[in-house]
Amino acid sequence: MRWMLHGAVGMAADWEVVPEEPGDRRVDLWKYLASEGLSLEAFAERFGEEVAAVDEAPVLVGYSLGGRLALHCLLAHPDLWRAAVIVSAHPGLRGDRLRLERMADDAQWAGKALTSGWGKFLAEWEAQEVFRGPERERQLADRAALEPDRQAVARGFMEWSLGKQADLRERFGGIPCPVLWVTGGRDEKFTGLAKAAVPLLAQGRHEIVPDAGHRVPWDAPDAFRDLVDRFPAA
């Protein structure tokens, strides 16, 4: 099975861009934060146990926040996963100052998610430079449907902040399965991070999708589907 983890302010339905195969699971991450906080590490432990109970050879697919969660899952249960596709994910900040700054930024986003008009919050979120890509319509699910989950979304900013994530690079050698790390050619920051991180993996491969930004699966859906369909056999 393929277990697909969406990004921040994302939805399981975002993964409709990838044609569903029998057994695929498009995971709603917000259900894990619906009633309580859950750290990155605690999520990885719980999710891995849930997957192991029903799937003997799972494949992880994670985008951005989902990619960071996927990395934690790979490290928490290294012998469980058959392969993983990591998309536009950050391996971890270096230095306490950067982590504190990121936690402060994410706390502001959490506050907006809780108190702003939902449409205003979404407009501010989408206006970020990191999301700029080719000028064509993206196949993202309607974020208006996320409003009932706004408390969980806010918890996500707090509990799963990049500022609370350790620098995972030094542990990448302990991930035994094949890992395909995908970034967009227009996303210079995350492509640079991937170029430095992938050689640390035991079986890592980096693919850069031309004319795609941070949201590779939705900026270049045909190219992304081709990569995912051919991995890990390719």
C-alpha atoms as a PDB file:
ATOM      1  CA  MET A   1       0.000   0.000   0.000  1.00  0.00           C
ATOM      2  CA  ARG A   2       0.974   3.625  -0.462  1.00  0.00           C
ATOM      3  CA  TRP A   3       0.417   5.819   2.588  1.00  0.00           C
ATOM      4  CA  MET A   4       0.186   9.470   1.534  1.00  0.00           C
ATOM      5  CA  LEU A   5       0.752  12.320   3.988  1.00  0.00           C
ATOM      6  CA  HIS A   6      -0.365  15.822   2.996  1.00  0.00           C
ATOM      7  CA  GLY A   7       1.214  19.178   3.829  1.00  0.00           C
ATOM      8  CA  ALA A   8       0.410  21.934   6.315  1.00  0.00           C
ATOM      9  CA  VAL A   9      -3.040  23.450   5.725  1.00  0.00           C
ATOM     10  CA  GLY A  10      -3.509  20.440   3.434  1.00  0.00           C
ATOM     11  CA  MET A  11      -6.028  17.665   3.022  1.00  0.00           C
ATOM     12  CA  ALA A  12      -6.026  13.956   2.273  1.00  0.00           C
ATOM     13  CA  ALA A  13      -8.028  14.783  -0.856  1.00  0.00           C
ATOM     14  CA  ASP A  14      -5.027  16.675  -2.243  1.00  0.00           C
ATOM     15  CA  TRP A  15      -3.619  13.294  -3.226  1.00  0.00           C
ATOM     16  CA  GLU A  16      -6.363  12.741  -5.767  1.00  0.00           C
ATOM     17  CA  VAL A  17      -3.742  14.083  -8.162  1.00  0.00           C
ATOM     18  CA  VAL A  18      -2.173  10.590  -7.954  1.00  0.00           C
ATOM     19  CA  PRO A  19      -4.514   7.898  -9.398  1.00  0.00           C
ATOM     20  CA  GLU A  20      -5.512   5.565  -6.607  1.00  0.00           C
ATOM     21  CA  GLU A  21      -4.233   2.012  -6.601  1.00  0.00           C
ATOM     22  CA  PRO A  22      -5.866  -0.822  -4.618  1.00  0.00           C
ATOM     23  CA  GLY A  23      -5.068  -0.370  -0.956  1.00  0.00           C
ATOM     24  CA  ASP A  24      -3.796   3.208  -1.198  1.00  0.00           C
ATOM     25  CA  ARG A  25      -4.397   5.287   1.926  1.00  0.00           C
ATOM     26  CA  ARG A  26      -4.705   9.063   1.691  1.00  0.00           C
ATOM     27  CA  VAL A  27      -4.131   9.962   5.313  1.00  0.00           C
ATOM     28  CA  ASP A  28      -6.018  12.742   7.098  1.00  0.00           C
ATOM     29  CA  LEU A  29      -3.321  14.051   9.414  1.00  0.00           C
ATOM     30  CA  TRP A  30      -5.693  16.310  11.314  1.00  0.00           C
ATOM     31  CA  LYS A  31      -7.457  13.405  12.976  1.00  0.00           C
ATOM     32  CA  TYR A  32      -4.273  12.848  14.994  1.00  0.00           C
ATOM     33  CA  LEU A  33      -4.528  16.367  16.427  1.00  0.00           C
ATOM     34  CA  ALA A  34      -8.311  16.601  16.754  1.00  0.00           C
ATOM     35  CA  SER A  35      -8.423  16.288  20.532  1.00  0.00           C
ATOM     36  CA  GLU A  36      -4.856  16.597  21.818  1.00  0.00           C
ATOM     37  CA  GLY A  37      -1.303  17.589  20.983  1.00  0.00           C
ATOM     38  CA  LEU A  38       1.021  15.008  19.482  1.00  0.00           C
ATOM     39  CA  SER A  39       4.738  15.506  18.905  1.00  0.00           C
ATOM     40  CA  LEU A  40       6.513  14.596  15.683  1.00  0.00           C
ATOM     41  CA  GLU A  41       8.097  11.614  17.397  1.00  0.00           C
ATOM     42  CA  ALA A  42       4.870  10.453  19.035  1.00  0.00           C
ATOM     43  CA  PHE A  43       3.053  10.643  15.704  1.00  0.00           C
ATOM     44  CA  ALA A  44       5.774   8.556  14.045  1.00  0.00           C
ATOM     45  CA  GLU A  45       5.523   5.855  16.700  1.00  0.00           C
ATOM     46  CA  ARG A  46       1.718   5.716  16.601  1.00  0.00           C
ATOM     47  CA  PHE A  47       1.388   5.863  12.845  1.00  0.00           C
ATOM     48  CA  GLY A  48       4.029   3.196  12.295  1.00  0.00           C
ATOM     49  CA  GLU A  49       2.228   0.854  14.672  1.00  0.00           C
ATOM     50  CA  GLU A  50      -1.075   1.435  12.873  1.00  0.00           C
ATOM     51  CA  VAL A  51       0.477   0.752   9.471  1.00  0.00           C
ATOM     52  CA  ALA A  52       2.350  -2.342  10.652  1.00  0.00           C
ATOM     53  CA  ALA A  53      -0.925  -3.863  11.853  1.00  0.00           C
ATOM     54  CA  VAL A  54      -2.394  -3.911   8.336  1.00  0.00           C
ATOM     55  CA  ASP A  55       0.466  -3.675   5.815  1.00  0.00           C
ATOM     56  CA  GLU A  56       3.569  -5.838   5.522  1.00  0.00           C
ATOM     57  CA  ALA A  57       5.295  -3.801   2.798  1.00  0.00           C
ATOM     58  CA  PRO A  58       4.122  -0.183   3.010  1.00  0.00           C
ATOM     59  CA  VAL A  59       5.377   2.709   0.900  1.00  0.00           C
ATOM     60  CA  LEU A  60       5.349   6.220   2.353  1.00  0.00           C
ATOM     61  CA  VAL A  61       4.637   9.330   0.283  1.00  0.00           C
ATOM     62  CA  GLY A  62       4.903  12.673   2.076  1.00  0.00           C
ATOM     63  CA  TYR A  63       4.792  16.266   0.900  1.00  0.00           C
ATOM     64  CA  SER A  64       6.341  19.176   2.856  1.00  0.00           C
ATOM     65  CA  LEU A  65       5.015  18.773   6.433  1.00  0.00           C
ATOM     66  CA  GLY A  66       3.950  15.272   5.409  1.00  0.00           C
ATOM     67  CA  GLY A  67       7.472  14.667   4.162  1.00  0.00           C
ATOM     68  CA  ARG A  68       8.934  15.672   7.512  1.00  0.00           C
ATOM     69  CA  LEU A  69       6.484  13.387   9.281  1.00  0.00           C
ATOM     70  CA  ALA A  70       7.428  10.626   6.842  1.00  0.00           C
ATOM     71  CA  LEU A  71      11.114  11.043   7.698  1.00  0.00           C
ATOM     72  CA  HIS A  72      10.276  10.638  11.371  1.00  0.00           C
ATOM     73  CA  CYS A  73       8.289   7.498  10.540  1.00  0.00           C
ATOM     74  CA  LEU A  74      11.207   6.033   8.603  1.00  0.00           C
ATOM     75  CA  LEU A  75      13.499   6.630  11.573  1.00  0.00           C
ATOM     76  CA  ALA A  76      11.019   5.359  14.177  1.00  0.00           C
ATOM     77  CA  HIS A  77      10.317   2.077  12.348  1.00  0.00           C
ATOM     78  CA  PRO A  78      13.238   1.594   9.936  1.00  0.00           C
ATOM     79  CA  ASP A  79      12.487  -2.044   9.142  1.00  0.00           C
ATOM     80  CA  LEU A  80       8.806  -1.490   8.356  1.00  0.00           C
ATOM     81  CA  TRP A  81       8.883   0.548   5.171  1.00  0.00           C
ATOM     82  CA  ARG A  82       9.502  -0.875   1.706  1.00  0.00           C
ATOM     83  CA  ALA A  83      10.251   2.539   0.203  1.00  0.00           C
ATOM     84  CA  ALA A  84       9.453   6.233   0.587  1.00  0.00           C
ATOM     85  CA  VAL A  85       8.868   9.261  -1.615  1.00  0.00           C
ATOM     86  CA  ILE A  86       9.742  12.539   0.102  1.00  0.00           C
ATOM     87  CA  VAL A  87       8.568  15.734  -1.606  1.00  0.00           C
ATOM     88  CA  SER A  88       9.835  19.236  -0.797  1.00  0.00           C
ATOM     89  CA  ALA A  89      10.665  18.402   2.820  1.00  0.00           C
ATOM     90  CA  HIS A  90      13.085  20.042   5.247  1.00  0.00           C
ATOM     91  CA  PRO A  91      15.553  17.727   7.044  1.00  0.00           C
ATOM     92  CA  GLY A  92      15.844  20.108  10.005  1.00  0.00           C
ATOM     93  CA  LEU A  93      17.144  23.509  11.009  1.00  0.00           C
ATOM     94  CA  ARG A  94      20.645  23.915  12.382  1.00  0.00           C
ATOM     95  CA  GLY A  95      20.957  26.118  15.424  1.00  0.00           C
ATOM     96  CA  ASP A  96      18.741  27.105  18.352  1.00  0.00           C
ATOM     97  CA  ARG A  97      18.201  30.647  17.061  1.00  0.00           C
ATOM     98  CA  LEU A  98      16.683  29.427  13.800  1.00  0.00           C
ATOM     99  CA  ARG A  99      14.481  26.958  15.648  1.00  0.00           C
ATOM    100  CA  LEU A 100      13.201  29.618  18.046  1.00  0.00           C
ATOM    101  CA  GLU A 101      12.463  31.979  15.162  1.00  0.00           C
ATOM    102  CA  ARG A 102      10.540  29.274  13.341  1.00  0.00           C
ATOM    103  CA  MET A 103       8.512  28.365  16.412  1.00  0.00           C
ATOM    104  CA  ALA A 104       7.592  32.034  16.825  1.00  0.00           C
ATOM    105  CA  ASP A 105       6.506  32.243  13.175  1.00  0.00           C
ATOM    106  CA  ASP A 106       4.457  29.074  13.460  1.00  0.00           C
ATOM    107  CA  ALA A 107       2.823  30.332  16.661  1.00  0.00           C
ATOM    108  CA  GLN A 108       1.621  33.356  14.675  1.00  0.00           C
ATOM    109  CA  TRP A 109       0.171  31.092  11.980  1.00  0.00           C
ATOM    110  CA  ALA A 110      -1.529  29.017  14.682  1.00  0.00           C
ATOM    111  CA  GLY A 111      -3.134  32.157  16.072  1.00  0.00           C
ATOM    112  CA  LYS A 112      -4.364  33.186  12.626  1.00  0.00           C
ATOM    113  CA  ALA A 113      -5.765  29.721  11.980  1.00  0.00           C
ATOM    114  CA  LEU A 114      -7.766  29.953  15.211  1.00  0.00           C
ATOM    115  CA  THR A 115      -8.944  33.567  15.170  1.00  0.00           C
ATOM    116  CA  SER A 116      -8.883  35.001  11.636  1.00  0.00           C
ATOM    117  CA  GLY A 117     -11.682  34.690   9.166  1.00  0.00           C
ATOM    118  CA  TRP A 118     -10.968  31.385   7.437  1.00  0.00           C
ATOM    119  CA  GLY A 119     -10.895  32.935   3.995  1.00  0.00           C
ATOM    120  CA  LYS A 120      -8.462  35.633   5.140  1.00  0.00           C
ATOM    121  CA  PHE A 121      -6.210  33.032   6.752  1.00  0.00           C
ATOM    122  CA  LEU A 122      -6.166  30.929   3.583  1.00  0.00           C
ATOM    123  CA  ALA A 123      -5.402  33.975   1.426  1.00  0.00           C
ATOM    124  CA  GLU A 124      -2.417  34.884   3.612  1.00  0.00           C
ATOM    125  CA  TRP A 125      -1.173  31.310   3.603  1.00  0.00           C
ATOM    126  CA  GLU A 126      -1.390  30.960  -0.166  1.00  0.00           C
ATOM    127  CA  ALA A 127       0.350  34.308  -0.737  1.00  0.00           C
ATOM    128  CA  GLN A 128       3.667  32.998   0.613  1.00  0.00           C
ATOM    129  CA  GLU A 129       6.589  33.132  -1.777  1.00  0.00           C
ATOM    130  CA  VAL A 130       7.388  29.454  -1.283  1.00  0.00           C
ATOM    131  CA  PHE A 131       4.148  28.431  -3.008  1.00  0.00           C
ATOM    132  CA  ARG A 132       4.783  30.332  -6.215  1.00  0.00           C
ATOM    133  CA  GLY A 133       4.916  28.016  -9.201  1.00  0.00           C
ATOM    134  CA  PRO A 134       3.998  27.905 -12.862  1.00  0.00           C
ATOM    135  CA  GLU A 135       0.996  29.964 -13.878  1.00  0.00           C
ATOM    136  CA  ARG A 136      -1.584  27.211 -14.236  1.00  0.00           C
ATOM    137  CA  GLU A 137      -4.429  25.922 -12.151  1.00  0.00           C
ATOM    138  CA  ARG A 138      -3.451  23.471  -9.443  1.00  0.00           C
ATOM    139  CA  GLN A 139      -5.544  20.440  -8.546  1.00  0.00           C
ATOM    140  CA  LEU A 140      -5.687  21.102  -4.810  1.00  0.00           C
ATOM    141  CA  ALA A 141      -8.747  20.251  -2.754  1.00  0.00           C
ATOM    142  CA  ASP A 142     -10.991  23.108  -1.617  1.00  0.00           C
ATOM    143  CA  ARG A 143      -9.479  24.457   1.607  1.00  0.00           C
ATOM    144  CA  ALA A 144     -12.842  25.882   2.691  1.00  0.00           C
ATOM    145  CA  ALA A 145     -13.686  22.325   3.772  1.00  0.00           C
ATOM    146  CA  LEU A 146     -10.859  22.486   6.339  1.00  0.00           C
ATOM    147  CA  GLU A 147     -12.513  25.151   8.492  1.00  0.00           C
ATOM    148  CA  PRO A 148     -14.095  22.625  10.904  1.00  0.00           C
ATOM    149  CA  ASP A 149     -10.550  21.323  11.531  1.00  0.00           C
ATOM    150  CA  ARG A 150      -9.044  24.737  12.223  1.00  0.00           C
ATOM    151  CA  GLN A 151      -8.160  23.803  15.824  1.00  0.00           C
ATOM    152  CA  ALA A 152      -6.229  20.750  14.624  1.00  0.00           C
ATOM    153  CA  VAL A 153      -4.528  22.840  11.930  1.00  0.00           C
ATOM    154  CA  ALA A 154      -3.450  25.300  14.637  1.00  0.00           C
ATOM    155  CA  ARG A 155      -2.139  22.433  16.770  1.00  0.00           C
ATOM    156  CA  GLY A 156      -0.170  21.272  13.733  1.00  0.00           C
ATOM    157  CA  PHE A 157       1.661  24.584  13.561  1.00  0.00           C
ATOM    158  CA  MET A 158       2.573  24.274  17.228  1.00  0.00           C
ATOM    159  CA  GLU A 159       3.262  20.551  17.668  1.00  0.00           C
ATOM    160  CA  TRP A 160       4.802  19.862  14.263  1.00  0.00           C
ATOM    161  CA  SER A 161       6.684  23.123  13.808  1.00  0.00           C
ATOM    162  CA  LEU A 162       9.980  22.823  11.980  1.00  0.00           C
ATOM    163  CA  GLY A 163      11.381  24.623  15.015  1.00  0.00           C
ATOM    164  CA  LYS A 164      10.561  21.581  17.178  1.00  0.00           C
ATOM    165  CA  GLN A 165      12.218  19.181  14.754  1.00  0.00           C
ATOM    166  CA  ALA A 166      15.759  17.987  15.352  1.00  0.00           C
ATOM    167  CA  ASP A 167      18.263  18.078  12.514  1.00  0.00           C
ATOM    168  CA  LEU A 168      17.648  14.588  11.134  1.00  0.00           C
ATOM    169  CA  ARG A 169      20.577  14.471   8.703  1.00  0.00           C
ATOM    170  CA  GLU A 170      22.967  12.668  11.028  1.00  0.00           C
ATOM    171  CA  ARG A 171      20.449   9.825  11.366  1.00  0.00           C
ATOM    172  CA  PHE A 172      19.728   9.342   7.667  1.00  0.00           C
ATOM    173  CA  GLY A 173      22.237   6.505   7.387  1.00  0.00           C
ATOM    174  CA  GLY A 174      19.894   4.441   9.560  1.00  0.00           C
ATOM    175  CA  ILE A 175      17.123   4.479   6.952  1.00  0.00           C
ATOM    176  CA  PRO A 176      17.638   1.244   4.987  1.00  0.00           C
ATOM    177  CA  CYS A 177      14.847   1.436   2.394  1.00  0.00           C
ATOM    178  CA  PRO A 178      15.016   3.177  -1.007  1.00  0.00           C
ATOM    179  CA  VAL A 179      14.056   6.844  -0.746  1.00  0.00           C
ATOM    180  CA  LEU A 180      13.103   9.008  -3.709  1.00  0.00           C
ATOM    181  CA  TRP A 181      13.422  12.709  -2.803  1.00  0.00           C
ATOM    182  CA  VAL A 182      11.580  14.993  -5.215  1.00  0.00           C
ATOM    183  CA  THR A 183      11.894  18.768  -5.548  1.00  0.00           C
ATOM    184  CA  GLY A 184      10.863  21.376  -8.093  1.00  0.00           C
ATOM    185  CA  GLY A 185      13.370  23.079 -10.344  1.00  0.00           C
ATOM    186  CA  ARG A 186      11.915  26.464  -9.378  1.00  0.00           C
ATOM    187  CA  ASP A 187      12.251  25.709  -5.672  1.00  0.00           C
ATOM    188  CA  GLU A 188      15.926  26.544  -5.190  1.00  0.00           C
ATOM    189  CA  LYS A 189      15.907  26.384  -1.392  1.00  0.00           C
ATOM    190  CA  PHE A 190      14.419  22.918  -1.060  1.00  0.00           C
ATOM    191  CA  THR A 191      16.340  21.580  -4.046  1.00  0.00           C
ATOM    192  CA  GLY A 192      19.538  22.681  -2.318  1.00  0.00           C
ATOM    193  CA  LEU A 193      18.484  20.996   0.914  1.00  0.00           C
ATOM    194  CA  ALA A 194      17.725  17.774  -0.959  1.00  0.00           C
ATOM    195  CA  LYS A 195      21.047  17.804  -2.807  1.00  0.00           C
ATOM    196  CA  ALA A 196      22.858  17.871   0.530  1.00  0.00           C
ATOM    197  CA  ALA A 197      20.571  15.400   2.312  1.00  0.00           C
ATOM    198  CA  VAL A 198      20.119  12.611  -0.243  1.00  0.00           C
ATOM    199  CA  PRO A 199      23.780  11.449  -0.278  1.00  0.00           C
ATOM    200  CA  LEU A 200      23.437  10.742   3.459  1.00  0.00           C
ATOM    201  CA  LEU A 201      20.755   8.126   2.795  1.00  0.00           C
ATOM    202  CA  ALA A 202      21.694   4.478   2.307  1.00  0.00           C
ATOM    203  CA  GLN A 203      19.552   4.241  -0.850  1.00  0.00           C
ATOM    204  CA  GLY A 204      18.675   7.804  -1.751  1.00  0.00           C
ATOM    205  CA  ARG A 205      17.822   9.264  -5.140  1.00  0.00           C
ATOM    206  CA  HIS A 206      17.052  12.890  -5.940  1.00  0.00           C
ATOM    207  CA  GLU A 207      14.786  13.907  -8.807  1.00  0.00           C
ATOM    208  CA  ILE A 208      14.320  17.550  -9.803  1.00  0.00           C
ATOM    209  CA  VAL A 209      11.129  18.237 -11.746  1.00  0.00           C
ATOM    210  CA  PRO A 210      11.644  21.146 -14.173  1.00  0.00           C
ATOM    211  CA  ASP A 211       9.129  23.989 -14.201  1.00  0.00           C
ATOM    212  CA  ALA A 212       7.723  22.984 -10.802  1.00  0.00           C
ATOM    213  CA  GLY A 213       7.893  24.899  -7.552  1.00  0.00           C
ATOM    214  CA  HIS A 214       7.460  23.689  -3.992  1.00  0.00           C
ATOM    215  CA  ARG A 215       4.151  21.975  -4.785  1.00  0.00           C
ATOM    216  CA  VAL A 216       5.602  19.507  -7.259  1.00  0.00           C
ATOM    217  CA  PRO A 217       2.681  17.023  -7.364  1.00  0.00           C
ATOM    218  CA  TRP A 218       0.272  19.800  -8.331  1.00  0.00           C
ATOM    219  CA  ASP A 219       2.618  21.978 -10.416  1.00  0.00           C
ATOM    220  CA  ALA A 220       3.681  19.036 -12.601  1.00  0.00           C
ATOM    221  CA  PRO A 221       1.182  16.222 -11.955  1.00  0.00           C
ATOM    222  CA  ASP A 222       2.079  14.098 -14.989  1.00  0.00           C
ATOM    223  CA  ALA A 223       5.809  14.133 -14.208  1.00  0.00           C
ATOM    224  CA  PHE A 224       5.181  13.434 -10.526  1.00  0.00           C
ATOM    225  CA  ARG A 225       2.792  10.549 -11.223  1.00  0.00           C
ATOM    226  CA  ASP A 226       5.368   9.018 -13.545  1.00  0.00           C
ATOM    227  CA  LEU A 227       8.064   9.161 -10.867  1.00  0.00           C
ATOM    228  CA  VAL A 228       5.827   7.653  -8.183  1.00  0.00           C
ATOM    229  CA  ASP A 229       4.485   4.920 -10.472  1.00  0.00           C
ATOM    230  CA  ARG A 230       8.006   3.811 -11.420  1.00  0.00           C
ATOM    231  CA  PHE A 231       9.397   3.871  -7.883  1.00  0.00           C
ATOM    232  CA  PRO A 232      10.838   1.842  -6.231  1.00  0.00           C
ATOM    233  CA  ALA A 233      11.148  -0.549  -9.194  1.00  0.00           C
ATOM    234  CA  ALA A 234      13.013   2.012 -11.340  1.00  0.00           C
END
